[in-house]
Amino acid sequence: MGDSVCFLLNTAENTPRFSISDTQGGTQDDTTEKSSQKTTEKTTEKIMLAIQNNPRITYRELAELLGLTEDGIFWNIKKLKAKGFLRRVGPNKGGHWKIISTDR
């Protein structure tokens, strides 16, 4: 698996920070693709942080918090789940998110 998540704690602010990166070692010449990848990484970091702060957060609340559509949140969470970083415990109503691993 080429992706990893790094969990850092900002001791000055006492706030956790996630960093998700691609460690495949390949190079990408297309600047647009690089920009898109960095935006996706930042978005997934924000999603993981929001879930850490509130495991019962909904797609709608995440969308409002991050200024994205619910479909955008769904797409990012689908990628996090596929990579094994996140899973849903319990039903959609009344369940919660669980961060499985921060280092894969």
PDB file of N, CA and C in Angstrom:
ATOM      1  N   MET A   1       0.846  -1.170   0.000  1.00  0.00           N
ATOM      2  CA  MET A   1       0.000   0.000   0.000  1.00  0.00           C
ATOM      3  C   MET A   1       0.885   1.224   0.000  1.00  0.00           C
ATOM      4  N   GLY A   2       0.628   2.143  -0.911  1.00  0.00           N
ATOM      5  CA  GLY A   2       1.496   3.274  -1.088  1.00  0.00           C
ATOM      6  C   GLY A   2       1.107   4.499  -0.305  1.00  0.00           C
ATOM      7  N   ASP A   3       0.005   4.485   0.412  1.00  0.00           N
ATOM      8  CA  ASP A   3      -0.432   5.679   1.115  1.00  0.00           C
ATOM      9  C   ASP A   3      -0.153   5.549   2.599  1.00  0.00           C
ATOM     10  N   SER A   4       0.081   6.688   3.240  1.00  0.00           N
ATOM     11  CA  SER A   4       0.279   6.678   4.679  1.00  0.00           C
ATOM     12  C   SER A   4      -0.365   7.900   5.280  1.00  0.00           C
ATOM     13  N   VAL A   5      -0.747   7.788   6.534  1.00  0.00           N
ATOM     14  CA  VAL A   5      -1.297   8.904   7.281  1.00  0.00           C
ATOM     15  C   VAL A   5      -0.363   9.158   8.440  1.00  0.00           C
ATOM     16  N   CYS A   6      -0.021  10.392   8.635  1.00  0.00           N
ATOM     17  CA  CYS A   6       0.837  10.773   9.741  1.00  0.00           C
ATOM     18  C   CYS A   6       0.004  11.606  10.698  1.00  0.00           C
ATOM     19  N   PHE A   7       0.009  11.279  11.974  1.00  0.00           N
ATOM     20  CA  PHE A   7      -0.744  12.014  12.973  1.00  0.00           C
ATOM     21  C   PHE A   7       0.236  12.820  13.797  1.00  0.00           C
ATOM     22  N   LEU A   8       0.063  14.125  13.794  1.00  0.00           N
ATOM     23  CA  LEU A   8       0.942  15.018  14.526  1.00  0.00           C
ATOM     24  C   LEU A   8       0.138  15.782  15.549  1.00  0.00           C
ATOM     25  N   LEU A   9       0.746  16.144  16.648  1.00  0.00           N
ATOM     26  CA  LEU A   9       0.087  16.950  17.659  1.00  0.00           C
ATOM     27  C   LEU A   9       0.825  18.271  17.756  1.00  0.00           C
ATOM     28  N   ASN A  10       0.129  19.357  17.477  1.00  0.00           N
ATOM     29  CA  ASN A  10       0.696  20.686  17.592  1.00  0.00           C
ATOM     30  C   ASN A  10       0.681  21.042  19.069  1.00  0.00           C
ATOM     31  N   THR A  11       1.841  20.971  19.721  1.00  0.00           N
ATOM     32  CA  THR A  11       1.897  21.173  21.165  1.00  0.00           C
ATOM     33  C   THR A  11       1.596  22.605  21.561  1.00  0.00           C
ATOM     34  N   ALA A  12       1.864  23.569  20.682  1.00  0.00           N
ATOM     35  CA  ALA A  12       1.576  24.958  21.010  1.00  0.00           C
ATOM     36  C   ALA A  12       0.069  25.189  21.122  1.00  0.00           C
ATOM     37  N   GLU A  13      -0.678  24.563  20.224  1.00  0.00           N
ATOM     38  CA  GLU A  13      -2.125  24.734  20.235  1.00  0.00           C
ATOM     39  C   GLU A  13      -2.846  23.515  20.804  1.00  0.00           C
ATOM     40  N   ASN A  14      -2.106  22.446  21.083  1.00  0.00           N
ATOM     41  CA  ASN A  14      -2.645  21.188  21.585  1.00  0.00           C
ATOM     42  C   ASN A  14      -3.749  20.649  20.670  1.00  0.00           C
ATOM     43  N   THR A  15      -3.513  20.741  19.356  1.00  0.00           N
ATOM     44  CA  THR A  15      -4.485  20.253  18.389  1.00  0.00           C
ATOM     45  C   THR A  15      -3.856  19.175  17.523  1.00  0.00           C
ATOM     46  N   PRO A  16      -4.589  18.080  17.283  1.00  0.00           N
ATOM     47  CA  PRO A  16      -4.047  17.032  16.429  1.00  0.00           C
ATOM     48  C   PRO A  16      -4.090  17.457  14.973  1.00  0.00           C
ATOM     49  N   ARG A  17      -3.191  16.908  14.170  1.00  0.00           N
ATOM     50  CA  ARG A  17      -3.151  17.200  12.741  1.00  0.00           C
ATOM     51  C   ARG A  17      -2.834  15.907  12.004  1.00  0.00           C
ATOM     52  N   PHE A  18      -3.575  15.650  10.941  1.00  0.00           N
ATOM     53  CA  PHE A  18      -3.347  14.469  10.128  1.00  0.00           C
ATOM     54  C   PHE A  18      -2.653  14.867   8.850  1.00  0.00           C
ATOM     55  N   SER A  19      -1.825  13.993   8.367  1.00  0.00           N
ATOM     56  CA  SER A  19      -1.182  14.204   7.071  1.00  0.00           C
ATOM     57  C   SER A  19      -1.267  12.902   6.293  1.00  0.00           C
ATOM     58  N   ILE A  20      -1.885  12.946   5.130  1.00  0.00           N
ATOM     59  CA  ILE A  20      -2.023  11.763   4.289  1.00  0.00           C
ATOM     60  C   ILE A  20      -1.209  12.004   3.036  1.00  0.00           C
ATOM     61  N   SER A  21      -0.332  11.058   2.726  1.00  0.00           N
ATOM     62  CA  SER A  21       0.509  11.271   1.549  1.00  0.00           C
ATOM     63  C   SER A  21       0.687   9.984   0.766  1.00  0.00           C
ATOM     64  N   ASP A  22       1.013  10.146  -0.491  1.00  0.00           N
ATOM     65  CA  ASP A  22       1.279   9.033  -1.388  1.00  0.00           C
ATOM     66  C   ASP A  22       2.776   8.767  -1.348  1.00  0.00           C
ATOM     67  N   THR A  23       3.162   7.556  -0.966  1.00  0.00           N
ATOM     68  CA  THR A  23       4.581   7.238  -0.825  1.00  0.00           C
ATOM     69  C   THR A  23       5.049   6.277  -1.909  1.00  0.00           C
ATOM     70  N   GLN A  24       4.385   6.266  -3.042  1.00  0.00           N
ATOM     71  CA  GLN A  24       4.744   5.364  -4.124  1.00  0.00           C
ATOM     72  C   GLN A  24       6.070   5.754  -4.773  1.00  0.00           C
ATOM     73  N   GLY A  25       6.484   7.009  -4.651  1.00  0.00           N
ATOM     74  CA  GLY A  25       7.753   7.440  -5.207  1.00  0.00           C
ATOM     75  C   GLY A  25       7.684   7.843  -6.663  1.00  0.00           C
ATOM     76  N   GLY A  26       6.525   7.768  -7.276  1.00  0.00           N
ATOM     77  CA  GLY A  26       6.390   8.156  -8.674  1.00  0.00           C
ATOM     78  C   GLY A  26       6.355   9.671  -8.813  1.00  0.00           C
ATOM     79  N   THR A  27       6.733  10.154  -9.994  1.00  0.00           N
ATOM     80  CA  THR A  27       6.690  11.594 -10.240  1.00  0.00           C
ATOM     81  C   THR A  27       5.517  11.909 -11.140  1.00  0.00           C
ATOM     82  N   GLN A  28       4.965  13.081 -10.984  1.00  0.00           N
ATOM     83  CA  GLN A  28       3.855  13.526 -11.810  1.00  0.00           C
ATOM     84  C   GLN A  28       4.255  14.847 -12.449  1.00  0.00           C
ATOM     85  N   ASP A  29       4.186  14.901 -13.767  1.00  0.00           N
ATOM     86  CA  ASP A  29       4.574  16.104 -14.474  1.00  0.00           C
ATOM     87  C   ASP A  29       3.433  17.099 -14.603  1.00  0.00           C
ATOM     88  N   ASP A  30       2.242  16.660 -14.465  1.00  0.00           N
ATOM     89  CA  ASP A  30       1.097  17.537 -14.670  1.00  0.00           C
ATOM     90  C   ASP A  30       0.816  18.342 -13.402  1.00  0.00           C
ATOM     91  N   THR A  31       0.969  19.660 -13.490  1.00  0.00           N
ATOM     92  CA  THR A  31       0.768  20.533 -12.329  1.00  0.00           C
ATOM     93  C   THR A  31      -0.665  20.481 -11.828  1.00  0.00           C
ATOM     94  N   THR A  32      -1.615  20.373 -12.727  1.00  0.00           N
ATOM     95  CA  THR A  32      -3.017  20.310 -12.328  1.00  0.00           C
ATOM     96  C   THR A  32      -3.272  19.072 -11.486  1.00  0.00           C
ATOM     97  N   GLU A  33      -2.697  17.971 -11.887  1.00  0.00           N
ATOM     98  CA  GLU A  33      -2.874  16.732 -11.131  1.00  0.00           C
ATOM     99  C   GLU A  33      -2.247  16.855  -9.751  1.00  0.00           C
ATOM    100  N   LYS A  34      -1.078  17.468  -9.668  1.00  0.00           N
ATOM    101  CA  LYS A  34      -0.423  17.675  -8.375  1.00  0.00           C
ATOM    102  C   LYS A  34      -1.276  18.557  -7.474  1.00  0.00           C
ATOM    103  N   SER A  35      -1.795  19.624  -8.031  1.00  0.00           N
ATOM    104  CA  SER A  35      -2.635  20.548  -7.273  1.00  0.00           C
ATOM    105  C   SER A  35      -3.886  19.845  -6.771  1.00  0.00           C
ATOM    106  N   SER A  36      -4.497  19.059  -7.643  1.00  0.00           N
ATOM    107  CA  SER A  36      -5.694  18.312  -7.280  1.00  0.00           C
ATOM    108  C   SER A  36      -5.401  17.313  -6.169  1.00  0.00           C
ATOM    109  N   GLN A  37      -4.256  16.642  -6.270  1.00  0.00           N
ATOM    110  CA  GLN A  37      -3.870  15.666  -5.255  1.00  0.00           C
ATOM    111  C   GLN A  37      -3.650  16.355  -3.913  1.00  0.00           C
ATOM    112  N   LYS A  38      -2.973  17.506  -3.908  1.00  0.00           N
ATOM    113  CA  LYS A  38      -2.734  18.228  -2.657  1.00  0.00           C
ATOM    114  C   LYS A  38      -4.045  18.703  -2.045  1.00  0.00           C
ATOM    115  N   THR A  39      -4.974  19.154  -2.881  1.00  0.00           N
ATOM    116  CA  THR A  39      -6.274  19.594  -2.387  1.00  0.00           C
ATOM    117  C   THR A  39      -7.010  18.425  -1.753  1.00  0.00           C
ATOM    118  N   THR A  40      -6.973  17.269  -2.399  1.00  0.00           N
ATOM    119  CA  THR A  40      -7.616  16.073  -1.856  1.00  0.00           C
ATOM    120  C   THR A  40      -6.982  15.679  -0.530  1.00  0.00           C
ATOM    121  N   GLU A  41      -5.656  15.728  -0.443  1.00  0.00           N
ATOM    122  CA  GLU A  41      -4.968  15.397   0.796  1.00  0.00           C
ATOM    123  C   GLU A  41      -5.372  16.347   1.915  1.00  0.00           C
ATOM    124  N   LYS A  42      -5.441  17.630   1.634  1.00  0.00           N
ATOM    125  CA  LYS A  42      -5.846  18.603   2.650  1.00  0.00           C
ATOM    126  C   LYS A  42      -7.275  18.352   3.089  1.00  0.00           C
ATOM    127  N   THR A  43      -8.144  18.034   2.135  1.00  0.00           N
ATOM    128  CA  THR A  43      -9.540  17.767   2.463  1.00  0.00           C
ATOM    129  C   THR A  43      -9.655  16.532   3.349  1.00  0.00           C
ATOM    130  N   THR A  44      -8.945  15.466   3.013  1.00  0.00           N
ATOM    131  CA  THR A  44      -9.022  14.251   3.832  1.00  0.00           C
ATOM    132  C   THR A  44      -8.429  14.490   5.219  1.00  0.00           C
ATOM    133  N   GLU A  45      -7.399  15.319   5.301  1.00  0.00           N
ATOM    134  CA  GLU A  45      -6.839  15.672   6.606  1.00  0.00           C
ATOM    135  C   GLU A  45      -7.888  16.394   7.456  1.00  0.00           C
ATOM    136  N   LYS A  46      -8.605  17.327   6.844  1.00  0.00           N
ATOM    137  CA  LYS A  46      -9.644  18.070   7.561  1.00  0.00           C
ATOM    138  C   LYS A  46     -10.784  17.154   7.990  1.00  0.00           C
ATOM    139  N   ILE A  47     -11.144  16.212   7.125  1.00  0.00           N
ATOM    140  CA  ILE A  47     -12.205  15.257   7.460  1.00  0.00           C
ATOM    141  C   ILE A  47     -11.781  14.403   8.650  1.00  0.00           C
ATOM    142  N   MET A  48     -10.555  13.876   8.609  1.00  0.00           N
ATOM    143  CA  MET A  48     -10.057  13.041   9.715  1.00  0.00           C
ATOM    144  C   MET A  48     -10.017  13.830  11.022  1.00  0.00           C
ATOM    145  N   LEU A  49      -9.601  15.071  10.974  1.00  0.00           N
ATOM    146  CA  LEU A  49      -9.544  15.903  12.172  1.00  0.00           C
ATOM    147  C   LEU A  49     -10.950  16.160  12.719  1.00  0.00           C
ATOM    148  N   ALA A  50     -11.886  16.458  11.828  1.00  0.00           N
ATOM    149  CA  ALA A  50     -13.265  16.696  12.256  1.00  0.00           C
ATOM    150  C   ALA A  50     -13.861  15.438  12.882  1.00  0.00           C
ATOM    151  N   ILE A  51     -13.561  14.278  12.306  1.00  0.00           N
ATOM    152  CA  ILE A  51     -14.059  13.012  12.857  1.00  0.00           C
ATOM    153  C   ILE A  51     -13.405  12.712  14.199  1.00  0.00           C
ATOM    154  N   GLN A  52     -12.131  13.037  14.326  1.00  0.00           N
ATOM    155  CA  GLN A  52     -11.448  12.842  15.613  1.00  0.00           C
ATOM    156  C   GLN A  52     -12.128  13.688  16.701  1.00  0.00           C
ATOM    157  N   ASN A  53     -12.483  14.911  16.336  1.00  0.00           N
ATOM    158  CA  ASN A  53     -13.112  15.814  17.294  1.00  0.00           C
ATOM    159  C   ASN A  53     -14.555  15.443  17.598  1.00  0.00           C
ATOM    160  N   ASN A  54     -15.246  14.824  16.632  1.00  0.00           N
ATOM    161  CA  ASN A  54     -16.641  14.445  16.809  1.00  0.00           C
ATOM    162  C   ASN A  54     -16.935  13.186  15.992  1.00  0.00           C
ATOM    163  N   PRO A  55     -16.744  11.995  16.584  1.00  0.00           N
ATOM    164  CA  PRO A  55     -16.958  10.741  15.847  1.00  0.00           C
ATOM    165  C   PRO A  55     -18.391  10.550  15.347  1.00  0.00           C
ATOM    166  N   ARG A  56     -19.335  11.273  15.879  1.00  0.00           N
ATOM    167  CA  ARG A  56     -20.735  11.143  15.453  1.00  0.00           C
ATOM    168  C   ARG A  56     -21.126  12.184  14.402  1.00  0.00           C
ATOM    169  N   ILE A  57     -20.159  12.884  13.845  1.00  0.00           N
ATOM    170  CA  ILE A  57     -20.431  13.914  12.847  1.00  0.00           C
ATOM    171  C   ILE A  57     -21.062  13.305  11.597  1.00  0.00           C
ATOM    172  N   THR A  58     -21.982  14.030  10.993  1.00  0.00           N
ATOM    173  CA  THR A  58     -22.700  13.540   9.817  1.00  0.00           C
ATOM    174  C   THR A  58     -22.058  14.078   8.532  1.00  0.00           C
ATOM    175  N   TYR A  59     -22.454  13.488   7.403  1.00  0.00           N
ATOM    176  CA  TYR A  59     -21.992  13.980   6.107  1.00  0.00           C
ATOM    177  C   TYR A  59     -22.383  15.456   5.948  1.00  0.00           C
ATOM    178  N   ARG A  60     -23.598  15.774   6.321  1.00  0.00           N
ATOM    179  CA  ARG A  60     -24.089  17.148   6.191  1.00  0.00           C
ATOM    180  C   ARG A  60     -23.263  18.105   7.041  1.00  0.00           C
ATOM    181  N   GLU A  61     -22.983  17.722   8.285  1.00  0.00           N
ATOM    182  CA  GLU A  61     -22.178  18.583   9.163  1.00  0.00           C
ATOM    183  C   GLU A  61     -20.761  18.752   8.620  1.00  0.00           C
ATOM    184  N   LEU A  62     -20.180  17.665   8.092  1.00  0.00           N
ATOM    185  CA  LEU A  62     -18.853  17.761   7.489  1.00  0.00           C
ATOM    186  C   LEU A  62     -18.870  18.695   6.283  1.00  0.00           C
ATOM    187  N   ALA A  63     -19.910  18.578   5.457  1.00  0.00           N
ATOM    188  CA  ALA A  63     -20.021  19.427   4.269  1.00  0.00           C
ATOM    189  C   ALA A  63     -20.102  20.896   4.668  1.00  0.00           C
ATOM    190  N   GLU A  64     -20.915  21.206   5.667  1.00  0.00           N
ATOM    191  CA  GLU A  64     -21.050  22.590   6.128  1.00  0.00           C
ATOM    192  C   GLU A  64     -19.738  23.093   6.738  1.00  0.00           C
ATOM    193  N   LEU A  65     -19.091  22.257   7.526  1.00  0.00           N
ATOM    194  CA  LEU A  65     -17.850  22.625   8.190  1.00  0.00           C
ATOM    195  C   LEU A  65     -16.730  22.908   7.195  1.00  0.00           C
ATOM    196  N   LEU A  66     -16.638  22.073   6.152  1.00  0.00           N
ATOM    197  CA  LEU A  66     -15.534  22.185   5.202  1.00  0.00           C
ATOM    198  C   LEU A  66     -15.885  22.963   3.934  1.00  0.00           C
ATOM    199  N   GLY A  67     -17.148  23.361   3.799  1.00  0.00           N
ATOM    200  CA  GLY A  67     -17.547  24.120   2.629  1.00  0.00           C
ATOM    201  C   GLY A  67     -17.571  23.292   1.359  1.00  0.00           C
ATOM    202  N   LEU A  68     -17.912  22.024   1.490  1.00  0.00           N
ATOM    203  CA  LEU A  68     -18.006  21.114   0.347  1.00  0.00           C
ATOM    204  C   LEU A  68     -19.440  20.622   0.214  1.00  0.00           C
ATOM    205  N   THR A  69     -19.725  19.933  -0.880  1.00  0.00           N
ATOM    206  CA  THR A  69     -21.030  19.287  -1.027  1.00  0.00           C
ATOM    207  C   THR A  69     -21.010  17.970  -0.257  1.00  0.00           C
ATOM    208  N   GLU A  70     -22.195  17.453   0.028  1.00  0.00           N
ATOM    209  CA  GLU A  70     -22.262  16.144   0.681  1.00  0.00           C
ATOM    210  C   GLU A  70     -21.666  15.067  -0.217  1.00  0.00           C
ATOM    211  N   ASP A  71     -21.854  15.201  -1.534  1.00  0.00           N
ATOM    212  CA  ASP A  71     -21.260  14.243  -2.474  1.00  0.00           C
ATOM    213  C   ASP A  71     -19.732  14.291  -2.399  1.00  0.00           C
ATOM    214  N   GLY A  72     -19.175  15.481  -2.244  1.00  0.00           N
ATOM    215  CA  GLY A  72     -17.726  15.626  -2.106  1.00  0.00           C
ATOM    216  C   GLY A  72     -17.217  14.949  -0.841  1.00  0.00           C
ATOM    217  N   ILE A  73     -17.958  15.106   0.246  1.00  0.00           N
ATOM    218  CA  ILE A  73     -17.595  14.443   1.508  1.00  0.00           C
ATOM    219  C   ILE A  73     -17.691  12.936   1.334  1.00  0.00           C
ATOM    220  N   PHE A  74     -18.785  12.472   0.724  1.00  0.00           N
ATOM    221  CA  PHE A  74     -18.980  11.046   0.502  1.00  0.00           C
ATOM    222  C   PHE A  74     -17.818  10.467  -0.294  1.00  0.00           C
ATOM    223  N   TRP A  75     -17.401  11.149  -1.372  1.00  0.00           N
ATOM    224  CA  TRP A  75     -16.307  10.688  -2.229  1.00  0.00           C
ATOM    225  C   TRP A  75     -15.004  10.577  -1.434  1.00  0.00           C
ATOM    226  N   ASN A  76     -14.697  11.585  -0.619  1.00  0.00           N
ATOM    227  CA  ASN A  76     -13.467  11.572   0.173  1.00  0.00           C
ATOM    228  C   ASN A  76     -13.501  10.480   1.246  1.00  0.00           C
ATOM    229  N   ILE A  77     -14.635  10.310   1.892  1.00  0.00           N
ATOM    230  CA  ILE A  77     -14.751   9.270   2.918  1.00  0.00           C
ATOM    231  C   ILE A  77     -14.658   7.887   2.281  1.00  0.00           C
ATOM    232  N   LYS A  78     -15.235   7.733   1.101  1.00  0.00           N
ATOM    233  CA  LYS A  78     -15.137   6.456   0.384  1.00  0.00           C
ATOM    234  C   LYS A  78     -13.665   6.097   0.145  1.00  0.00           C
ATOM    235  N   LYS A  79     -12.854   7.082  -0.245  1.00  0.00           N
ATOM    236  CA  LYS A  79     -11.423   6.851  -0.469  1.00  0.00           C
ATOM    237  C   LYS A  79     -10.718   6.495   0.850  1.00  0.00           C
ATOM    238  N   LEU A  80     -11.049   7.189   1.934  1.00  0.00           N
ATOM    239  CA  LEU A  80     -10.439   6.901   3.234  1.00  0.00           C
ATOM    240  C   LEU A  80     -10.804   5.492   3.708  1.00  0.00           C
ATOM    241  N   LYS A  81     -12.056   5.091   3.500  1.00  0.00           N
ATOM    242  CA  LYS A  81     -12.488   3.750   3.880  1.00  0.00           C
ATOM    243  C   LYS A  81     -11.788   2.693   3.036  1.00  0.00           C
ATOM    244  N   ALA A  82     -11.652   2.942   1.740  1.00  0.00           N
ATOM    245  CA  ALA A  82     -10.999   1.982   0.842  1.00  0.00           C
ATOM    246  C   ALA A  82      -9.530   1.790   1.200  1.00  0.00           C
ATOM    247  N   LYS A  83      -8.887   2.839   1.697  1.00  0.00           N
ATOM    248  CA  LYS A  83      -7.480   2.759   2.086  1.00  0.00           C
ATOM    249  C   LYS A  83      -7.299   2.194   3.494  1.00  0.00           C
ATOM    250  N   GLY A  84      -8.413   1.971   4.197  1.00  0.00           N
ATOM    251  CA  GLY A  84      -8.337   1.362   5.516  1.00  0.00           C
ATOM    252  C   GLY A  84      -8.077   2.333   6.657  1.00  0.00           C
ATOM    253  N   PHE A  85      -8.315   3.618   6.427  1.00  0.00           N
ATOM    254  CA  PHE A  85      -8.078   4.611   7.477  1.00  0.00           C
ATOM    255  C   PHE A  85      -9.291   4.855   8.352  1.00  0.00           C
ATOM    256  N   LEU A  86     -10.474   4.520   7.840  1.00  0.00           N
ATOM    257  CA  LEU A  86     -11.710   4.927   8.485  1.00  0.00           C
ATOM    258  C   LEU A  86     -12.785   3.886   8.260  1.00  0.00           C
ATOM    259  N   ARG A  87     -13.678   3.736   9.238  1.00  0.00           N
ATOM    260  CA  ARG A  87     -14.847   2.880   9.033  1.00  0.00           C
ATOM    261  C   ARG A  87     -16.008   3.402   9.853  1.00  0.00           C
ATOM    262  N   ARG A  88     -17.189   3.013   9.452  1.00  0.00           N
ATOM    263  CA  ARG A  88     -18.413   3.414  10.133  1.00  0.00           C
ATOM    264  C   ARG A  88     -18.814   2.292  11.066  1.00  0.00           C
ATOM    265  N   VAL A  89     -19.111   2.624  12.319  1.00  0.00           N
ATOM    266  CA  VAL A  89     -19.541   1.647  13.312  1.00  0.00           C
ATOM    267  C   VAL A  89     -21.011   1.929  13.614  1.00  0.00           C
ATOM    268  N   GLY A  90     -21.849   0.928  13.437  1.00  0.00           N
ATOM    269  CA  GLY A  90     -23.276   1.097  13.706  1.00  0.00           C
ATOM    270  C   GLY A  90     -24.016   1.652  12.509  1.00  0.00           C
ATOM    271  N   PRO A  91     -25.286   1.956  12.726  1.00  0.00           N
ATOM    272  CA  PRO A  91     -26.128   2.422  11.618  1.00  0.00           C
ATOM    273  C   PRO A  91     -25.810   3.869  11.222  1.00  0.00           C
ATOM    274  N   ASN A  92     -26.364   4.282  10.087  1.00  0.00           N
ATOM    275  CA  ASN A  92     -26.167   5.660   9.637  1.00  0.00           C
ATOM    276  C   ASN A  92     -26.699   6.656  10.664  1.00  0.00           C
ATOM    277  N   LYS A  93     -27.850   6.350  11.232  1.00  0.00           N
ATOM    278  CA  LYS A  93     -28.401   7.196  12.300  1.00  0.00           C
ATOM    279  C   LYS A  93     -28.046   6.544  13.631  1.00  0.00           C
ATOM    280  N   GLY A  94     -27.270   7.221  14.427  1.00  0.00           N
ATOM    281  CA  GLY A  94     -26.916   6.699  15.744  1.00  0.00           C
ATOM    282  C   GLY A  94     -25.555   6.032  15.791  1.00  0.00           C
ATOM    283  N   GLY A  95     -24.921   5.819  14.660  1.00  0.00           N
ATOM    284  CA  GLY A  95     -23.590   5.217  14.635  1.00  0.00           C
ATOM    285  C   GLY A  95     -22.511   6.268  14.796  1.00  0.00           C
ATOM    286  N   HIS A  96     -21.275   5.847  14.615  1.00  0.00           N
ATOM    287  CA  HIS A  96     -20.162   6.788  14.709  1.00  0.00           C
ATOM    288  C   HIS A  96     -19.017   6.340  13.807  1.00  0.00           C
ATOM    289  N   TRP A  97     -18.086   7.255  13.560  1.00  0.00           N
ATOM    290  CA  TRP A  97     -16.902   6.971  12.755  1.00  0.00           C
ATOM    291  C   TRP A  97     -15.791   6.473  13.654  1.00  0.00           C
ATOM    292  N   LYS A  98     -14.987   5.588  13.126  1.00  0.00           N
ATOM    293  CA  LYS A  98     -13.823   5.095  13.860  1.00  0.00           C
ATOM    294  C   LYS A  98     -12.596   5.225  12.965  1.00  0.00           C
ATOM    295  N   ILE A  99     -11.589   5.909  13.480  1.00  0.00           N
ATOM    296  CA  ILE A  99     -10.326   5.996  12.774  1.00  0.00           C
ATOM    297  C   ILE A  99      -9.579   4.700  13.054  1.00  0.00           C
ATOM    298  N   ILE A 100      -9.360   3.920  12.016  1.00  0.00           N
ATOM    299  CA  ILE A 100      -8.775   2.590  12.159  1.00  0.00           C
ATOM    300  C   ILE A 100      -7.263   2.680  12.324  1.00  0.00           C
ATOM    301  N   SER A 101      -6.646   3.430  11.442  1.00  0.00           N
ATOM    302  CA  SER A 101      -5.191   3.505  11.447  1.00  0.00           C
ATOM    303  C   SER A 101      -4.758   4.854  10.941  1.00  0.00           C
ATOM    304  N   THR A 102      -3.680   5.345  11.494  1.00  0.00           N
ATOM    305  CA  THR A 102      -3.112   6.597  10.998  1.00  0.00           C
ATOM    306  C   THR A 102      -1.778   6.342  10.341  1.00  0.00           C
ATOM    307  N   ASP A 103      -1.435   5.049  10.148  1.00  0.00           N
ATOM    308  CA  ASP A 103      -0.157   4.737   9.515  1.00  0.00           C
ATOM    309  C   ASP A 103      -0.276   3.471   8.678  1.00  0.00           C
ATOM    310  N   ARG A 104      -0.553   3.631   7.396  1.00  0.00           N
ATOM    311  CA  ARG A 104      -0.659   2.492   6.471  1.00  0.00           C
ATOM    312  C   ARG A 104       0.159   2.749   5.281  1.00  0.00           C
TER     313      ARG A 104
END
